[in-house]
mmCIF file of all heavy atoms, coordinates in Angstrom:
data_MODEL
# 
_entry.id   MODEL 
# 
loop_
_atom_site.group_PDB 
_atom_site.id 
_atom_site.type_symbol 
_atom_site.label_atom_id 
_atom_site.label_alt_id 
_atom_site.label_comp_id 
_atom_site.label_asym_id 
_atom_site.label_entity_id 
_atom_site.label_seq_id 
_atom_site.pdbx_PDB_ins_code 
_atom_site.Cartn_x 
_atom_site.Cartn_y 
_atom_site.Cartn_z 
_atom_site.occupancy 
_atom_site.B_iso_or_equiv 
_atom_site.pdbx_formal_charge 
_atom_site.auth_seq_id 
_atom_site.auth_comp_id 
_atom_site.auth_asym_id 
_atom_site.auth_atom_id 
_atom_site.pdbx_PDB_model_num 
ATOM 1   N N   . TYR A 1 1  ? 0.847  -1.199 0.000  1.00 0.00 ? 1  TYR A N   1 
ATOM 2   C CA  . TYR A 1 1  ? 0.000  0.000  0.000  1.00 0.00 ? 1  TYR A CA  1 
ATOM 3   C C   . TYR A 1 1  ? 0.880  1.245  0.000  1.00 0.00 ? 1  TYR A C   1 
ATOM 4   O O   . TYR A 1 1  ? 1.934  1.274  0.640  1.00 0.00 ? 1  TYR A O   1 
ATOM 5   C CB  . TYR A 1 1  ? -0.912 0.023  1.230  1.00 0.00 ? 1  TYR A CB  1 
ATOM 6   C CG  . TYR A 1 1  ? -2.023 -1.008 1.163  1.00 0.00 ? 1  TYR A CG  1 
ATOM 7   C CD1 . TYR A 1 1  ? -1.776 -2.335 1.488  1.00 0.00 ? 1  TYR A CD1 1 
ATOM 8   C CD2 . TYR A 1 1  ? -3.304 -0.653 0.748  1.00 0.00 ? 1  TYR A CD2 1 
ATOM 9   C CE1 . TYR A 1 1  ? -2.777 -3.286 1.425  1.00 0.00 ? 1  TYR A CE1 1 
ATOM 10  C CE2 . TYR A 1 1  ? -4.315 -1.592 0.683  1.00 0.00 ? 1  TYR A CE2 1 
ATOM 11  C CZ  . TYR A 1 1  ? -4.051 -2.913 1.014  1.00 0.00 ? 1  TYR A CZ  1 
ATOM 12  O OH  . TYR A 1 1  ? -5.051 -3.844 0.937  1.00 0.00 ? 1  TYR A OH  1 
ATOM 13  N N   . ILE A 1 2  ? 0.411  2.275  -0.711 1.00 0.00 ? 2  ILE A N   1 
ATOM 14  C CA  . ILE A 1 2  ? 1.119  3.551  -0.765 1.00 0.00 ? 2  ILE A CA  1 
ATOM 15  C C   . ILE A 1 2  ? 0.297  4.609  -0.036 1.00 0.00 ? 2  ILE A C   1 
ATOM 16  O O   . ILE A 1 2  ? -0.927 4.665  -0.161 1.00 0.00 ? 2  ILE A O   1 
ATOM 17  C CB  . ILE A 1 2  ? 1.402  3.986  -2.223 1.00 0.00 ? 2  ILE A CB  1 
ATOM 18  C CG1 . ILE A 1 2  ? 2.237  5.281  -2.237 1.00 0.00 ? 2  ILE A CG1 1 
ATOM 19  C CG2 . ILE A 1 2  ? 0.112  4.177  -3.016 1.00 0.00 ? 2  ILE A CG2 1 
ATOM 20  C CD1 . ILE A 1 2  ? 2.718  5.666  -3.634 1.00 0.00 ? 2  ILE A CD1 1 
ATOM 21  N N   . PHE A 1 3  ? 0.987  5.436  0.757  1.00 0.00 ? 3  PHE A N   1 
ATOM 22  C CA  . PHE A 1 3  ? 0.351  6.509  1.511  1.00 0.00 ? 3  PHE A CA  1 
ATOM 23  C C   . PHE A 1 3  ? 0.713  7.846  0.872  1.00 0.00 ? 3  PHE A C   1 
ATOM 24  O O   . PHE A 1 3  ? 1.807  7.999  0.328  1.00 0.00 ? 3  PHE A O   1 
ATOM 25  C CB  . PHE A 1 3  ? 0.808  6.471  2.974  1.00 0.00 ? 3  PHE A CB  1 
ATOM 26  C CG  . PHE A 1 3  ? 0.332  5.255  3.716  1.00 0.00 ? 3  PHE A CG  1 
ATOM 27  C CD1 . PHE A 1 3  ? 0.975  4.031  3.561  1.00 0.00 ? 3  PHE A CD1 1 
ATOM 28  C CD2 . PHE A 1 3  ? -0.767 5.318  4.544  1.00 0.00 ? 3  PHE A CD2 1 
ATOM 29  C CE1 . PHE A 1 3  ? 0.539  2.902  4.230  1.00 0.00 ? 3  PHE A CE1 1 
ATOM 30  C CE2 . PHE A 1 3  ? -1.219 4.198  5.219  1.00 0.00 ? 3  PHE A CE2 1 
ATOM 31  C CZ  . PHE A 1 3  ? -0.562 2.987  5.061  1.00 0.00 ? 3  PHE A CZ  1 
ATOM 32  N N   . ASP A 1 4  ? -0.202 8.818  0.961  1.00 0.00 ? 4  ASP A N   1 
ATOM 33  C CA  . ASP A 1 4  ? 0.019  10.069 0.234  1.00 0.00 ? 4  ASP A CA  1 
ATOM 34  C C   . ASP A 1 4  ? -0.202 11.319 1.076  1.00 0.00 ? 4  ASP A C   1 
ATOM 35  O O   . ASP A 1 4  ? -0.361 12.417 0.546  1.00 0.00 ? 4  ASP A O   1 
ATOM 36  C CB  . ASP A 1 4  ? -0.872 10.123 -1.006 1.00 0.00 ? 4  ASP A CB  1 
ATOM 37  C CG  . ASP A 1 4  ? -2.333 9.844  -0.684 1.00 0.00 ? 4  ASP A CG  1 
ATOM 38  O OD1 . ASP A 1 4  ? -2.735 10.037 0.480  1.00 0.00 ? 4  ASP A OD1 1 
ATOM 39  O OD2 . ASP A 1 4  ? -3.057 9.404  -1.598 1.00 0.00 ? 4  ASP A OD2 1 
ATOM 40  N N   . HIS A 1 5  ? -0.237 11.172 2.410  1.00 0.00 ? 5  HIS A N   1 
ATOM 41  C CA  . HIS A 1 5  ? -0.422 12.375 3.241  1.00 0.00 ? 5  HIS A CA  1 
ATOM 42  C C   . HIS A 1 5  ? 0.414  12.279 4.506  1.00 0.00 ? 5  HIS A C   1 
ATOM 43  O O   . HIS A 1 5  ? 0.469  11.243 5.165  1.00 0.00 ? 5  HIS A O   1 
ATOM 44  C CB  . HIS A 1 5  ? -1.886 12.557 3.643  1.00 0.00 ? 5  HIS A CB  1 
ATOM 45  C CG  . HIS A 1 5  ? -2.085 13.732 4.568  1.00 0.00 ? 5  HIS A CG  1 
ATOM 46  N ND1 . HIS A 1 5  ? -2.114 15.032 4.115  1.00 0.00 ? 5  HIS A ND1 1 
ATOM 47  C CD2 . HIS A 1 5  ? -2.215 13.801 5.919  1.00 0.00 ? 5  HIS A CD2 1 
ATOM 48  C CE1 . HIS A 1 5  ? -2.276 15.852 5.145  1.00 0.00 ? 5  HIS A CE1 1 
ATOM 49  N NE2 . HIS A 1 5  ? -2.333 15.128 6.245  1.00 0.00 ? 5  HIS A NE2 1 
ATOM 50  N N   . VAL A 1 6  ? 1.048  13.377 4.843  1.00 0.00 ? 6  VAL A N   1 
ATOM 51  C CA  . VAL A 1 6  ? 1.738  13.506 6.121  1.00 0.00 ? 6  VAL A CA  1 
ATOM 52  C C   . VAL A 1 6  ? 1.681  14.976 6.522  1.00 0.00 ? 6  VAL A C   1 
ATOM 53  O O   . VAL A 1 6  ? 1.666  15.868 5.666  1.00 0.00 ? 6  VAL A O   1 
ATOM 54  C CB  . VAL A 1 6  ? 3.205  13.014 6.021  1.00 0.00 ? 6  VAL A CB  1 
ATOM 55  C CG1 . VAL A 1 6  ? 4.036  13.972 5.183  1.00 0.00 ? 6  VAL A CG1 1 
ATOM 56  C CG2 . VAL A 1 6  ? 3.826  12.836 7.394  1.00 0.00 ? 6  VAL A CG2 1 
ATOM 57  N N   . ASP A 1 7  ? 1.582  15.239 7.806  1.00 0.00 ? 7  ASP A N   1 
ATOM 58  C CA  . ASP A 1 7  ? 1.587  16.614 8.299  1.00 0.00 ? 7  ASP A CA  1 
ATOM 59  C C   . ASP A 1 7  ? 2.190  16.631 9.698  1.00 0.00 ? 7  ASP A C   1 
ATOM 60  O O   . ASP A 1 7  ? 2.603  15.593 10.233 1.00 0.00 ? 7  ASP A O   1 
ATOM 61  C CB  . ASP A 1 7  ? 0.179  17.230 8.275  1.00 0.00 ? 7  ASP A CB  1 
ATOM 62  C CG  . ASP A 1 7  ? -0.833 16.438 9.077  1.00 0.00 ? 7  ASP A CG  1 
ATOM 63  O OD1 . ASP A 1 7  ? -0.433 15.817 10.085 1.00 0.00 ? 7  ASP A OD1 1 
ATOM 64  O OD2 . ASP A 1 7  ? -2.020 16.425 8.714  1.00 0.00 ? 7  ASP A OD2 1 
ATOM 65  N N   . GLU A 1 8  ? 2.223  17.791 10.273 1.00 0.00 ? 8  GLU A N   1 
ATOM 66  C CA  . GLU A 1 8  ? 2.844  17.960 11.597 1.00 0.00 ? 8  GLU A CA  1 
ATOM 67  C C   . GLU A 1 8  ? 2.181  17.075 12.648 1.00 0.00 ? 8  GLU A C   1 
ATOM 68  O O   . GLU A 1 8  ? 2.849  16.465 13.486 1.00 0.00 ? 8  GLU A O   1 
ATOM 69  C CB  . GLU A 1 8  ? 2.737  19.432 12.001 1.00 0.00 ? 8  GLU A CB  1 
ATOM 70  C CG  . GLU A 1 8  ? 3.315  19.757 13.369 1.00 0.00 ? 8  GLU A CG  1 
ATOM 71  C CD  . GLU A 1 8  ? 3.126  21.220 13.741 1.00 0.00 ? 8  GLU A CD  1 
ATOM 72  O OE1 . GLU A 1 8  ? 3.236  22.079 12.837 1.00 0.00 ? 8  GLU A OE1 1 
ATOM 73  O OE2 . GLU A 1 8  ? 2.860  21.491 14.908 1.00 0.00 ? 8  GLU A OE2 1 
ATOM 74  N N   . ILE A 1 9  ? 0.846  16.996 12.601 1.00 0.00 ? 9  ILE A N   1 
ATOM 75  C CA  . ILE A 1 9  ? 0.119  16.215 13.601 1.00 0.00 ? 9  ILE A CA  1 
ATOM 76  C C   . ILE A 1 9  ? 0.364  14.729 13.415 1.00 0.00 ? 9  ILE A C   1 
ATOM 77  O O   . ILE A 1 9  ? 0.636  14.001 14.385 1.00 0.00 ? 9  ILE A O   1 
ATOM 78  C CB  . ILE A 1 9  ? -1.388 16.532 13.528 1.00 0.00 ? 9  ILE A CB  1 
ATOM 79  C CG1 . ILE A 1 9  ? -1.636 17.987 13.959 1.00 0.00 ? 9  ILE A CG1 1 
ATOM 80  C CG2 . ILE A 1 9  ? -2.197 15.579 14.402 1.00 0.00 ? 9  ILE A CG2 1 
ATOM 81  C CD1 . ILE A 1 9  ? -3.068 18.450 13.793 1.00 0.00 ? 9  ILE A CD1 1 
ATOM 82  N N   . SER A 1 10 ? 0.265  14.239 12.181 1.00 0.00 ? 10 SER A N   1 
ATOM 83  C CA  . SER A 1 10 ? 0.448  12.809 11.948 1.00 0.00 ? 10 SER A CA  1 
ATOM 84  C C   . SER A 1 10 ? 1.856  12.354 12.330 1.00 0.00 ? 10 SER A C   1 
ATOM 85  O O   . SER A 1 10 ? 2.034  11.254 12.853 1.00 0.00 ? 10 SER A O   1 
ATOM 86  C CB  . SER A 1 10 ? 0.144  12.455 10.487 1.00 0.00 ? 10 SER A CB  1 
ATOM 87  O OG  . SER A 1 10 ? 1.077  13.052 9.606  1.00 0.00 ? 10 SER A OG  1 
ATOM 88  N N   . LEU A 1 11 ? 2.859  13.202 12.092 1.00 0.00 ? 11 LEU A N   1 
ATOM 89  C CA  . LEU A 1 11 ? 4.225  12.849 12.474 1.00 0.00 ? 11 LEU A CA  1 
ATOM 90  C C   . LEU A 1 11 ? 4.379  12.841 13.997 1.00 0.00 ? 11 LEU A C   1 
ATOM 91  O O   . LEU A 1 11 ? 5.079  11.985 14.553 1.00 0.00 ? 11 LEU A O   1 
ATOM 92  C CB  . LEU A 1 11 ? 5.217  13.832 11.859 1.00 0.00 ? 11 LEU A CB  1 
ATOM 93  C CG  . LEU A 1 11 ? 5.416  13.743 10.339 1.00 0.00 ? 11 LEU A CG  1 
ATOM 94  C CD1 . LEU A 1 11 ? 6.353  14.846 9.858  1.00 0.00 ? 11 LEU A CD1 1 
ATOM 95  C CD2 . LEU A 1 11 ? 5.964  12.379 9.937  1.00 0.00 ? 11 LEU A CD2 1 
ATOM 96  N N   . ALA A 1 12 ? 3.714  13.786 14.673 1.00 0.00 ? 12 ALA A N   1 
ATOM 97  C CA  . ALA A 1 12 ? 3.831  13.880 16.130 1.00 0.00 ? 12 ALA A CA  1 
ATOM 98  C C   . ALA A 1 12 ? 3.192  12.698 16.843 1.00 0.00 ? 12 ALA A C   1 
ATOM 99  O O   . ALA A 1 12 ? 3.529  12.406 17.995 1.00 0.00 ? 12 ALA A O   1 
ATOM 100 C CB  . ALA A 1 12 ? 3.198  15.184 16.613 1.00 0.00 ? 12 ALA A CB  1 
ATOM 101 N N   . LEU A 1 13 ? 2.277  12.007 16.186 1.00 0.00 ? 13 LEU A N   1 
ATOM 102 C CA  . LEU A 1 13 ? 1.583  10.880 16.813 1.00 0.00 ? 13 LEU A CA  1 
ATOM 103 C C   . LEU A 1 13 ? 2.529  9.726  17.138 1.00 0.00 ? 13 LEU A C   1 
ATOM 104 O O   . LEU A 1 13 ? 2.225  8.893  17.987 1.00 0.00 ? 13 LEU A O   1 
ATOM 105 C CB  . LEU A 1 13 ? 0.447  10.387 15.905 1.00 0.00 ? 13 LEU A CB  1 
ATOM 106 C CG  . LEU A 1 13 ? -0.800 11.269 15.936 1.00 0.00 ? 13 LEU A CG  1 
ATOM 107 C CD1 . LEU A 1 13 ? -1.728 10.936 14.776 1.00 0.00 ? 13 LEU A CD1 1 
ATOM 108 C CD2 . LEU A 1 13 ? -1.532 11.112 17.263 1.00 0.00 ? 13 LEU A CD2 1 
ATOM 109 N N   . LYS A 1 14 ? 3.683  9.681  16.489 1.00 0.00 ? 14 LYS A N   1 
ATOM 110 C CA  . LYS A 1 14 ? 4.654  8.629  16.801 1.00 0.00 ? 14 LYS A CA  1 
ATOM 111 C C   . LYS A 1 14 ? 5.160  8.793  18.232 1.00 0.00 ? 14 LYS A C   1 
ATOM 112 O O   . LYS A 1 14 ? 5.294  7.815  18.977 1.00 0.00 ? 14 LYS A O   1 
ATOM 113 C CB  . LYS A 1 14 ? 5.824  8.664  15.823 1.00 0.00 ? 14 LYS A CB  1 
ATOM 114 C CG  . LYS A 1 14 ? 6.831  7.539  16.049 1.00 0.00 ? 14 LYS A CG  1 
ATOM 115 C CD  . LYS A 1 14 ? 7.923  7.538  14.988 1.00 0.00 ? 14 LYS A CD  1 
ATOM 116 C CE  . LYS A 1 14 ? 8.888  6.378  15.212 1.00 0.00 ? 14 LYS A CE  1 
ATOM 117 N NZ  . LYS A 1 14 ? 9.959  6.346  14.179 1.00 0.00 ? 14 LYS A NZ  1 
ATOM 118 N N   . ASP A 1 15 ? 5.434  10.046 18.629 1.00 0.00 ? 15 ASP A N   1 
ATOM 119 C CA  . ASP A 1 15 ? 5.896  10.294 19.991 1.00 0.00 ? 15 ASP A CA  1 
ATOM 120 C C   . ASP A 1 15 ? 4.757  10.234 21.002 1.00 0.00 ? 15 ASP A C   1 
ATOM 121 O O   . ASP A 1 15 ? 4.941  9.787  22.131 1.00 0.00 ? 15 ASP A O   1 
ATOM 122 C CB  . ASP A 1 15 ? 6.571  11.671 20.070 1.00 0.00 ? 15 ASP A CB  1 
ATOM 123 C CG  . ASP A 1 15 ? 7.871  11.728 19.275 1.00 0.00 ? 15 ASP A CG  1 
ATOM 124 O OD1 . ASP A 1 15 ? 8.550  10.684 19.182 1.00 0.00 ? 15 ASP A OD1 1 
ATOM 125 O OD2 . ASP A 1 15 ? 8.191  12.800 18.738 1.00 0.00 ? 15 ASP A OD2 1 
ATOM 126 N N   . VAL A 1 16 ? 3.573  10.681 20.588 1.00 0.00 ? 16 VAL A N   1 
ATOM 127 C CA  . VAL A 1 16 ? 2.443  10.760 21.515 1.00 0.00 ? 16 VAL A CA  1 
ATOM 128 C C   . VAL A 1 16 ? 1.816  9.389  21.772 1.00 0.00 ? 16 VAL A C   1 
ATOM 129 O O   . VAL A 1 16 ? 1.531  9.028  22.923 1.00 0.00 ? 16 VAL A O   1 
ATOM 130 C CB  . VAL A 1 16 ? 1.376  11.740 20.969 1.00 0.00 ? 16 VAL A CB  1 
ATOM 131 C CG1 . VAL A 1 16 ? 0.111  11.702 21.822 1.00 0.00 ? 16 VAL A CG1 1 
ATOM 132 C CG2 . VAL A 1 16 ? 1.939  13.150 20.937 1.00 0.00 ? 16 VAL A CG2 1 
ATOM 133 N N   . LEU A 1 17 ? 1.603  8.610  20.712 1.00 0.00 ? 17 LEU A N   1 
ATOM 134 C CA  . LEU A 1 17 ? 0.915  7.321  20.837 1.00 0.00 ? 17 LEU A CA  1 
ATOM 135 C C   . LEU A 1 17 ? 1.769  6.125  20.435 1.00 0.00 ? 17 LEU A C   1 
ATOM 136 O O   . LEU A 1 17 ? 1.361  4.981  20.643 1.00 0.00 ? 17 LEU A O   1 
ATOM 137 C CB  . LEU A 1 17 ? -0.364 7.328  19.985 1.00 0.00 ? 17 LEU A CB  1 
ATOM 138 C CG  . LEU A 1 17 ? -1.478 8.294  20.375 1.00 0.00 ? 17 LEU A CG  1 
ATOM 139 C CD1 . LEU A 1 17 ? -2.645 8.157  19.414 1.00 0.00 ? 17 LEU A CD1 1 
ATOM 140 C CD2 . LEU A 1 17 ? -1.942 8.054  21.803 1.00 0.00 ? 17 LEU A CD2 1 
ATOM 141 N N   . GLY A 1 18 ? 2.906  6.391  19.813 1.00 0.00 ? 18 GLY A N   1 
ATOM 142 C CA  . GLY A 1 18 ? 3.713  5.283  19.318 1.00 0.00 ? 18 GLY A CA  1 
ATOM 143 C C   . GLY A 1 18 ? 3.218  4.731  18.000 1.00 0.00 ? 18 GLY A C   1 
ATOM 144 O O   . GLY A 1 18 ? 3.589  3.623  17.596 1.00 0.00 ? 18 GLY A O   1 
ATOM 145 N N   . VAL A 1 19 ? 2.375  5.490  17.295 1.00 0.00 ? 19 VAL A N   1 
ATOM 146 C CA  . VAL A 1 19 ? 1.840  5.064  16.005 1.00 0.00 ? 19 VAL A CA  1 
ATOM 147 C C   . VAL A 1 19 ? 2.570  5.859  14.916 1.00 0.00 ? 19 VAL A C   1 
ATOM 148 O O   . VAL A 1 19 ? 2.491  7.089  14.873 1.00 0.00 ? 19 VAL A O   1 
ATOM 149 C CB  . VAL A 1 19 ? 0.319  5.299  15.904 1.00 0.00 ? 19 VAL A CB  1 
ATOM 150 C CG1 . VAL A 1 19 ? -0.204 4.792  14.556 1.00 0.00 ? 19 VAL A CG1 1 
ATOM 151 C CG2 . VAL A 1 19 ? -0.401 4.589  17.045 1.00 0.00 ? 19 VAL A CG2 1 
ATOM 152 N N   . ASP A 1 20 ? 3.280  5.142  14.036 1.00 0.00 ? 20 ASP A N   1 
ATOM 153 C CA  . ASP A 1 20 ? 4.122  5.777  13.020 1.00 0.00 ? 20 ASP A CA  1 
ATOM 154 C C   . ASP A 1 20 ? 3.363  5.914  11.697 1.00 0.00 ? 20 ASP A C   1 
ATOM 155 O O   . ASP A 1 20 ? 3.058  4.925  11.040 1.00 0.00 ? 20 ASP A O   1 
ATOM 156 C CB  . ASP A 1 20 ? 5.390  4.943  12.818 1.00 0.00 ? 20 ASP A CB  1 
ATOM 157 C CG  . ASP A 1 20 ? 6.407  5.626  11.907 1.00 0.00 ? 20 ASP A CG  1 
ATOM 158 O OD1 . ASP A 1 20 ? 6.101  6.728  11.403 1.00 0.00 ? 20 ASP A OD1 1 
ATOM 159 O OD2 . ASP A 1 20 ? 7.493  5.051  11.708 1.00 0.00 ? 20 ASP A OD2 1 
ATOM 160 N N   . PHE A 1 21 ? 3.062  7.163  11.336 1.00 0.00 ? 21 PHE A N   1 
ATOM 161 C CA  . PHE A 1 21 ? 2.366  7.436  10.078 1.00 0.00 ? 21 PHE A CA  1 
ATOM 162 C C   . PHE A 1 21 ? 3.317  8.060  9.042  1.00 0.00 ? 21 PHE A C   1 
ATOM 163 O O   . PHE A 1 21 ? 2.864  8.687  8.088  1.00 0.00 ? 21 PHE A O   1 
ATOM 164 C CB  . PHE A 1 21 ? 1.198  8.409  10.315 1.00 0.00 ? 21 PHE A CB  1 
ATOM 165 C CG  . PHE A 1 21 ? 0.037  7.809  11.062 1.00 0.00 ? 21 PHE A CG  1 
ATOM 166 C CD1 . PHE A 1 21 ? -0.347 8.323  12.293 1.00 0.00 ? 21 PHE A CD1 1 
ATOM 167 C CD2 . PHE A 1 21 ? -0.671 6.746  10.549 1.00 0.00 ? 21 PHE A CD2 1 
ATOM 168 C CE1 . PHE A 1 21 ? -1.422 7.795  12.997 1.00 0.00 ? 21 PHE A CE1 1 
ATOM 169 C CE2 . PHE A 1 21 ? -1.753 6.201  11.234 1.00 0.00 ? 21 PHE A CE2 1 
ATOM 170 C CZ  . PHE A 1 21 ? -2.126 6.718  12.458 1.00 0.00 ? 21 PHE A CZ  1 
ATOM 171 N N   . SER A 1 22 ? 4.623  7.894  9.216  1.00 0.00 ? 22 SER A N   1 
ATOM 172 C CA  . SER A 1 22 ? 5.576  8.580  8.348  1.00 0.00 ? 22 SER A CA  1 
ATOM 173 C C   . SER A 1 22 ? 5.948  7.795  7.095  1.00 0.00 ? 22 SER A C   1 
ATOM 174 O O   . SER A 1 22 ? 6.516  8.354  6.156  1.00 0.00 ? 22 SER A O   1 
ATOM 175 C CB  . SER A 1 22 ? 6.858  8.888  9.128  1.00 0.00 ? 22 SER A CB  1 
ATOM 176 O OG  . SER A 1 22 ? 7.534  7.683  9.481  1.00 0.00 ? 22 SER A OG  1 
ATOM 177 N N   . LYS A 1 23 ? 5.659  6.496  7.052  1.00 0.00 ? 23 LYS A N   1 
ATOM 178 C CA  . LYS A 1 23 ? 6.102  5.661  5.943  1.00 0.00 ? 23 LYS A CA  1 
ATOM 179 C C   . LYS A 1 23 ? 5.257  5.884  4.684  1.00 0.00 ? 23 LYS A C   1 
ATOM 180 O O   . LYS A 1 23 ? 4.037  6.013  4.755  1.00 0.00 ? 23 LYS A O   1 
ATOM 181 C CB  . LYS A 1 23 ? 6.030  4.178  6.330  1.00 0.00 ? 23 LYS A CB  1 
ATOM 182 C CG  . LYS A 1 23 ? 6.921  3.800  7.511  1.00 0.00 ? 23 LYS A CG  1 
ATOM 183 C CD  . LYS A 1 23 ? 8.382  3.906  7.156  1.00 0.00 ? 23 LYS A CD  1 
ATOM 184 C CE  . LYS A 1 23 ? 9.277  3.278  8.219  1.00 0.00 ? 23 LYS A CE  1 
ATOM 185 N NZ  . LYS A 1 23 ? 9.251  4.013  9.491  1.00 0.00 ? 23 LYS A NZ  1 
ATOM 186 N N   . GLU A 1 24 ? 5.943  5.925  3.538  1.00 0.00 ? 24 GLU A N   1 
ATOM 187 C CA  . GLU A 1 24 ? 5.225  6.090  2.272  1.00 0.00 ? 24 GLU A CA  1 
ATOM 188 C C   . GLU A 1 24 ? 4.690  4.753  1.776  1.00 0.00 ? 24 GLU A C   1 
ATOM 189 O O   . GLU A 1 24 ? 3.625  4.708  1.141  1.00 0.00 ? 24 GLU A O   1 
ATOM 190 C CB  . GLU A 1 24 ? 6.142  6.700  1.211  1.00 0.00 ? 24 GLU A CB  1 
ATOM 191 C CG  . GLU A 1 24 ? 5.424  7.022  -0.098 1.00 0.00 ? 24 GLU A CG  1 
ATOM 192 C CD  . GLU A 1 24 ? 6.293  7.761  -1.090 1.00 0.00 ? 24 GLU A CD  1 
ATOM 193 O OE1 . GLU A 1 24 ? 7.486  8.015  -0.792 1.00 0.00 ? 24 GLU A OE1 1 
ATOM 194 O OE2 . GLU A 1 24 ? 5.786  8.104  -2.181 1.00 0.00 ? 24 GLU A OE2 1 
ATOM 195 N N   . PHE A 1 25 ? 5.403  3.673  2.069  1.00 0.00 ? 25 PHE A N   1 
ATOM 196 C CA  . PHE A 1 25 ? 4.968  2.334  1.656  1.00 0.00 ? 25 PHE A CA  1 
ATOM 197 C C   . PHE A 1 25 ? 4.909  1.416  2.869  1.00 0.00 ? 25 PHE A C   1 
ATOM 198 O O   . PHE A 1 25 ? 5.798  1.443  3.721  1.00 0.00 ? 25 PHE A O   1 
ATOM 199 C CB  . PHE A 1 25 ? 5.940  1.738  0.628  1.00 0.00 ? 25 PHE A CB  1 
ATOM 200 C CG  . PHE A 1 25 ? 5.968  2.449  -0.686 1.00 0.00 ? 25 PHE A CG  1 
ATOM 201 C CD1 . PHE A 1 25 ? 6.920  3.426  -0.935 1.00 0.00 ? 25 PHE A CD1 1 
ATOM 202 C CD2 . PHE A 1 25 ? 5.036  2.147  -1.675 1.00 0.00 ? 25 PHE A CD2 1 
ATOM 203 C CE1 . PHE A 1 25 ? 6.951  4.095  -2.152 1.00 0.00 ? 25 PHE A CE1 1 
ATOM 204 C CE2 . PHE A 1 25 ? 5.057  2.816  -2.888 1.00 0.00 ? 25 PHE A CE2 1 
ATOM 205 C CZ  . PHE A 1 25 ? 6.016  3.792  -3.130 1.00 0.00 ? 25 PHE A CZ  1 
ATOM 206 N N   . LEU A 1 26 ? 3.857  0.611  2.944  1.00 0.00 ? 26 LEU A N   1 
ATOM 207 C CA  . LEU A 1 26 ? 3.734  -0.412 3.973  1.00 0.00 ? 26 LEU A CA  1 
ATOM 208 C C   . LEU A 1 26 ? 3.119  -1.653 3.352  1.00 0.00 ? 26 LEU A C   1 
ATOM 209 O O   . LEU A 1 26 ? 2.207  -1.559 2.523  1.00 0.00 ? 26 LEU A O   1 
ATOM 210 C CB  . LEU A 1 26 ? 2.854  0.056  5.132  1.00 0.00 ? 26 LEU A CB  1 
ATOM 211 C CG  . LEU A 1 26 ? 3.426  1.090  6.115  1.00 0.00 ? 26 LEU A CG  1 
ATOM 212 C CD1 . LEU A 1 26 ? 2.351  1.520  7.104  1.00 0.00 ? 26 LEU A CD1 1 
ATOM 213 C CD2 . LEU A 1 26 ? 4.635  0.533  6.867  1.00 0.00 ? 26 LEU A CD2 1 
# 
């Protein structure tokens, strides 16, 4: 799957919740 959106909030969620939304492909 390819992802096409990232922003300040989605990146910060890795530190806040441990959920990584930074990858372009998964």
